[in-house]
C-alpha cells in the first residue's frame, strides 16, 4: 500500500515540517494516544491496519470507520509533551488519561 496515499487520507496537525525521525506522543482523533520513537512509521502502521480492518483497538477502528462513512479525514496530532504528564494530555486532547489502558499505545516502536 502506498504511504503517500495513506497519509493523503488523514490530516496531520502540529507535525514538524521536516523528514527526520520524530519521536514523542501523538493522538488520533479524540480516541487514541500513542507514543513512539518513530511516529511517522507508527502512524503508517496504524493506517495500514485500519485500512484492512485489522487494528486491535476497537475504539480507534470505530472512529476511523465513522470518519470514512462521513467522508471526513481523521486528524492525527503531534503532542510534543512528556507522555507521563497526564494533566497536560487530558487538557490538550480532552481524553481522561486515567484510562490509559484503553487509549494509550505502549508498544515500543
Protein backbone atom coordinates (compact mmCIF):
# COMPACT_ATOMS: atom_id res chain seq x y z
CA UNK A 1 0.00 0.00 0.00
CA UNK A 2 1.35 3.44 -0.95
CA UNK A 3 2.48 5.53 2.06
CA UNK A 4 1.58 8.82 0.35
CA UNK A 5 -1.95 7.58 -0.37
CA UNK A 6 -2.38 6.57 3.27
CA UNK A 7 -1.17 9.96 4.51
CA UNK A 8 -3.36 11.81 1.98
CA UNK A 9 -6.36 10.26 3.74
CA UNK A 10 -5.64 11.99 7.08
CA UNK A 11 -4.96 15.46 8.43
CA UNK A 12 -1.59 15.78 10.18
CA UNK A 13 -1.70 18.55 12.78
CA UNK A 14 1.27 20.19 14.57
CA UNK A 15 3.89 17.96 12.94
CA UNK A 16 7.38 19.37 12.36
CA UNK A 17 7.97 20.32 8.75
CA UNK A 18 10.96 18.07 8.03
CA UNK A 19 11.64 14.47 7.06
CA UNK A 20 13.71 13.48 10.08
CA UNK A 21 12.53 10.82 12.51
CA UNK A 22 10.09 12.28 15.04
CA UNK A 23 9.67 10.74 18.46
CA UNK A 24 7.14 11.65 21.13
CA UNK A 25 3.43 11.49 21.77
CA UNK A 26 0.64 11.60 19.17
CA UNK A 27 -3.14 11.47 19.20
CA UNK A 28 -5.56 10.08 16.66
CA UNK A 29 -8.85 11.91 16.85
CA UNK A 30 -10.02 12.08 20.44
CA UNK A 31 -9.93 8.32 20.93
CA UNK A 32 -6.29 7.26 20.89
CA UNK A 33 -2.97 8.39 22.35
CA UNK A 34 0.30 6.72 21.45
CA UNK A 35 4.00 7.26 21.98
CA UNK A 36 6.72 6.14 19.64
CA UNK A 37 10.40 6.52 18.83
CA UNK A 38 9.35 6.95 15.18
CA UNK A 39 5.88 8.49 14.97
CA UNK A 40 5.60 8.54 11.17
CA UNK A 41 6.42 4.83 10.96
CA UNK A 42 3.95 4.05 13.76
CA UNK A 43 1.17 6.12 12.17
CA UNK A 44 1.66 4.31 8.87
CA UNK A 45 1.40 1.02 10.74
CA UNK A 46 -1.90 2.17 12.32
CA UNK A 47 -3.27 3.30 8.96
CA UNK A 48 -2.36 0.04 7.23
CA UNK A 49 -4.17 -1.93 9.94
CA UNK A 50 -7.17 0.41 9.84
CA UNK A 51 -7.39 0.19 6.04
CA UNK A 52 -7.80 -3.58 6.18
CA UNK A 53 -10.00 -3.51 9.33
CA UNK A 54 -7.35 -5.33 11.35
CA UNK A 55 -6.49 -2.82 14.11
CA UNK A 56 -6.54 -4.32 17.63
CA UNK A 57 -8.00 -1.15 19.21
CA UNK A 58 -11.74 -1.34 18.53
CA UNK A 59 -12.40 2.27 19.63
CA UNK A 60 -9.88 3.51 17.09
CA UNK A 61 -11.32 1.24 14.40
CA UNK A 62 -14.84 2.56 15.06
CA UNK A 63 -13.59 6.16 14.93
CA UNK A 64 -11.75 5.56 11.64
CA UNK A 65 -14.74 3.80 10.05
CA UNK A 66 -17.04 6.62 11.18
CA UNK A 67 -14.73 9.21 9.60
CA UNK A 68 -14.73 7.27 6.33
CA UNK A 69 -18.51 6.90 6.32
CA UNK A 70 -18.87 10.68 6.80
CA UNK A 71 -16.16 11.31 4.15
CA UNK A 72 -14.04 13.10 6.75
CA UNK A 73 -10.30 12.81 7.18
CA UNK A 74 -9.20 11.64 10.65
CA UNK A 75 -6.94 14.14 12.45
CA UNK A 76 -3.61 12.88 13.76
CA UNK A 77 -1.91 15.36 16.09
CA UNK A 78 1.67 15.57 17.25
CA UNK A 79 1.70 16.23 21.01
CA UNK A 80 5.22 17.34 21.85
CA UNK A 81 4.99 16.82 25.59
CA UNK A 82 6.11 14.36 28.23
CA UNK A 83 3.93 11.24 27.85
CA UNK A 84 3.73 10.89 31.63
CA UNK A 85 2.24 14.34 32.27
CA UNK A 86 -1.36 13.14 32.41
CA UNK A 87 -2.89 16.55 33.22
CA UNK A 88 -1.41 18.10 30.06
CA UNK A 89 -2.53 15.16 27.95
CA UNK A 90 -6.07 15.48 29.30
CA UNK A 91 -6.11 19.25 28.71
CA UNK A 92 -4.79 19.04 25.14
CA UNK A 93 -6.74 16.00 23.95
CA UNK A 94 -9.84 16.04 26.11
CA UNK A 95 -9.18 12.38 26.92
CA UNK A 96 -9.13 11.35 30.55
CA UNK A 97 -5.78 9.57 30.59
CA UNK A 98 -6.53 7.73 33.80
CA UNK A 99 -7.98 5.21 31.34
CA UNK A 100 -4.61 4.77 29.59
CA UNK A 101 -5.09 1.02 29.24
CA UNK A 102 -7.91 1.74 26.77
CA UNK A 103 -6.39 4.60 24.78
CA UNK A 104 -2.65 4.65 25.27
CA UNK A 105 -0.44 2.63 22.98
CA UNK A 106 2.50 1.33 24.97
CA UNK A 107 4.20 -0.61 22.18
CA UNK A 108 7.94 0.09 21.92
CA UNK A 109 8.16 1.11 18.22
